[in-house]
Amino acid sequence: MTDAALIRRETAISVAINIGLSIAFYVALFGLAVPAAPLALARDFVPQAFMVTLMGTLVPGLLTRRKVGGPATAIVARAIGYALAAAVLAGGGAMLLLAQAAAPVTPAAALTVKAAFGGALAALVTPAALRAVLTRRTQP
């Protein structure tokens, strides 16, 4: 399998898993019976960004490392760094935007936004992390 094919496959898997997990955690935290309070929903984007990024970089990175070799410590450190940055930038940005909402957010709208956020974030971070792992393979 080529590097490009591996990146596409792992990214697609990461996106699908993170969309599913985003939906599951929304339902577990907020339920589907009543609209979500905007500030509570807004605050949930920070841990969501952290976890989506951590799992979207750590798991595919470690699985790829098994195939190509290299140290696991670099992958773990990179995943934590990416996750912290995503929590601040993506999670914080989403939180600031959604905190401006005045009305409660319907479950359908919230699920759509949370799923899209989780999927989009995974689509951004997974390929970057995999490229870093694959690049290290060619370095001494």
Protein backbone atom coordinates (compact mmCIF):
# COMPACT_ATOMS: atom_id res chain seq x y z
CA MET A 1 0.00 0.00 0.00
CA THR A 2 1.34 3.42 -0.87
CA ASP A 3 1.73 6.13 1.74
CA ALA A 4 -1.05 8.16 0.11
CA ALA A 5 -3.43 5.21 0.20
CA LEU A 6 -2.57 4.51 3.85
CA ILE A 7 -3.21 8.15 4.76
CA ARG A 8 -6.55 8.17 2.92
CA ARG A 9 -7.69 4.93 4.54
CA GLU A 10 -6.67 5.85 8.08
CA THR A 11 -8.13 9.34 7.72
CA ALA A 12 -11.47 7.97 6.52
CA ILE A 13 -11.57 5.57 9.46
CA SER A 14 -10.64 8.36 11.89
CA VAL A 15 -13.32 10.68 10.49
CA ALA A 16 -16.01 8.00 10.75
CA ILE A 17 -15.05 7.01 14.29
CA ASN A 18 -14.84 10.60 15.49
CA ILE A 19 -18.22 11.50 13.98
CA GLY A 20 -19.74 8.50 15.76
CA LEU A 21 -18.05 9.31 19.06
CA SER A 22 -19.04 12.97 18.83
CA ILE A 23 -22.67 11.98 18.39
CA ALA A 24 -22.52 9.38 21.17
CA PHE A 25 -20.96 11.77 23.66
CA TYR A 26 -23.44 14.52 22.80
CA VAL A 27 -26.35 12.14 23.42
CA ALA A 28 -24.77 10.90 26.68
CA LEU A 29 -24.13 14.41 27.99
CA PHE A 30 -27.11 16.38 26.71
CA GLY A 31 -29.72 13.83 25.66
CA LEU A 32 -32.21 14.31 22.86
CA ALA A 33 -35.27 15.41 24.80
CA VAL A 34 -34.56 19.11 25.28
CA PRO A 35 -32.49 21.79 23.54
CA ALA A 36 -28.96 22.32 24.86
CA ALA A 37 -28.02 25.46 26.73
CA PRO A 38 -25.67 27.42 24.45
CA LEU A 39 -22.96 27.96 27.06
CA ALA A 40 -22.93 24.30 28.15
CA LEU A 41 -22.74 23.17 24.53
CA ALA A 42 -20.05 25.76 23.81
CA ARG A 43 -17.89 24.54 26.70
CA ASP A 44 -18.10 20.98 25.41
CA PHE A 45 -16.12 21.86 22.28
CA VAL A 46 -12.85 22.20 24.22
CA PRO A 47 -12.70 18.60 25.53
CA GLN A 48 -14.15 17.35 22.24
CA ALA A 49 -11.34 19.04 20.28
CA PHE A 50 -8.75 17.62 22.66
CA MET A 51 -10.04 14.04 22.49
CA VAL A 52 -10.78 13.98 18.75
CA THR A 53 -7.27 15.23 18.06
CA LEU A 54 -5.61 12.95 20.59
CA MET A 55 -7.33 9.83 19.29
CA GLY A 56 -7.19 10.97 15.65
CA THR A 57 -3.40 11.25 15.85
CA LEU A 58 -2.32 8.75 18.50
CA VAL A 59 -4.12 5.60 17.35
CA PRO A 60 -3.39 5.90 13.60
CA GLY A 61 0.16 7.02 14.39
CA LEU A 62 0.88 4.03 16.60
CA LEU A 63 -0.71 1.61 14.13
CA THR A 64 1.39 3.05 11.32
CA ARG A 65 4.51 2.93 13.48
CA ARG A 66 4.04 -0.82 13.87
CA LYS A 67 4.39 -1.11 10.10
CA VAL A 68 7.24 1.34 9.52
CA GLY A 69 9.14 1.37 12.82
CA GLY A 70 10.35 4.29 14.88
CA PRO A 71 9.93 5.43 18.46
CA ALA A 72 6.50 5.53 20.07
CA THR A 73 7.50 8.39 22.37
CA ALA A 74 7.64 10.87 19.48
CA ILE A 75 4.14 9.85 18.38
CA VAL A 76 2.73 10.19 21.89
CA ALA A 77 4.38 13.57 22.42
CA ARG A 78 3.16 14.83 19.03
CA ALA A 79 -0.39 13.62 19.73
CA ILE A 80 -0.49 15.40 23.09
CA GLY A 81 0.92 18.58 21.56
CA TYR A 82 -1.58 18.52 18.71
CA ALA A 83 -4.43 17.83 21.15
CA LEU A 84 -3.51 20.74 23.41
CA ALA A 85 -3.24 23.08 20.43
CA ALA A 86 -6.59 21.89 19.05
CA ALA A 87 -8.28 22.34 22.43
CA VAL A 88 -7.13 25.94 22.57
CA LEU A 89 -7.54 26.90 18.92
CA ALA A 90 -10.41 24.82 17.52
CA GLY A 91 -12.23 24.13 20.79
CA GLY A 92 -11.73 27.64 22.09
CA GLY A 93 -12.76 29.19 18.79
CA ALA A 94 -15.91 27.09 18.57
CA MET A 95 -16.68 27.87 22.20
CA LEU A 96 -16.35 31.60 21.63
CA LEU A 97 -18.61 31.48 18.58
CA LEU A 98 -21.30 29.33 20.14
CA ALA A 99 -21.25 31.24 23.44
CA GLN A 100 -22.77 34.15 21.51
CA ALA A 101 -25.96 32.19 20.85
CA ALA A 102 -28.93 33.52 22.76
CA ALA A 103 -31.41 30.70 22.27
CA PRO A 104 -31.05 27.05 23.25
CA VAL A 105 -29.75 24.82 20.46
CA THR A 106 -32.07 22.08 19.22
CA PRO A 107 -30.74 18.52 19.47
CA ALA A 108 -30.76 18.12 15.67
CA ALA A 109 -28.72 21.27 15.13
CA ALA A 110 -26.34 20.46 17.97
CA LEU A 111 -25.79 16.89 16.72
CA THR A 112 -25.09 18.18 13.23
CA VAL A 113 -22.59 20.76 14.45
CA LYS A 114 -20.85 18.36 16.87
CA ALA A 115 -20.59 15.61 14.24
CA ALA A 116 -19.29 18.03 11.60
CA PHE A 117 -16.76 19.50 14.04
CA GLY A 118 -15.48 16.06 15.07
CA GLY A 119 -15.25 14.83 11.49
CA ALA A 120 -13.61 17.97 10.14
CA LEU A 121 -11.06 18.08 12.94
CA ALA A 122 -10.16 14.42 12.40
CA ALA A 123 -9.82 15.08 8.66
CA LEU A 124 -7.29 17.82 9.42
CA VAL A 125 -5.16 16.24 12.12
CA THR A 126 -4.97 12.58 11.09
CA PRO A 127 -3.15 13.11 7.77
CA ALA A 128 -0.69 15.54 9.39
CA ALA A 129 0.16 13.06 12.12
CA LEU A 130 0.54 10.17 9.67
CA ARG A 131 2.79 12.20 7.39
CA ALA A 132 5.02 12.93 10.37
CA VAL A 133 5.28 9.22 11.21
CA LEU A 134 5.96 8.26 7.60
CA THR A 135 8.55 11.04 7.22
CA ARG A 136 10.49 9.79 10.25
CA ARG A 137 10.74 6.41 8.56
CA THR A 138 13.01 7.90 5.90
CA GLN A 139 15.23 9.74 8.36
CA PRO A 140 18.20 8.07 10.12
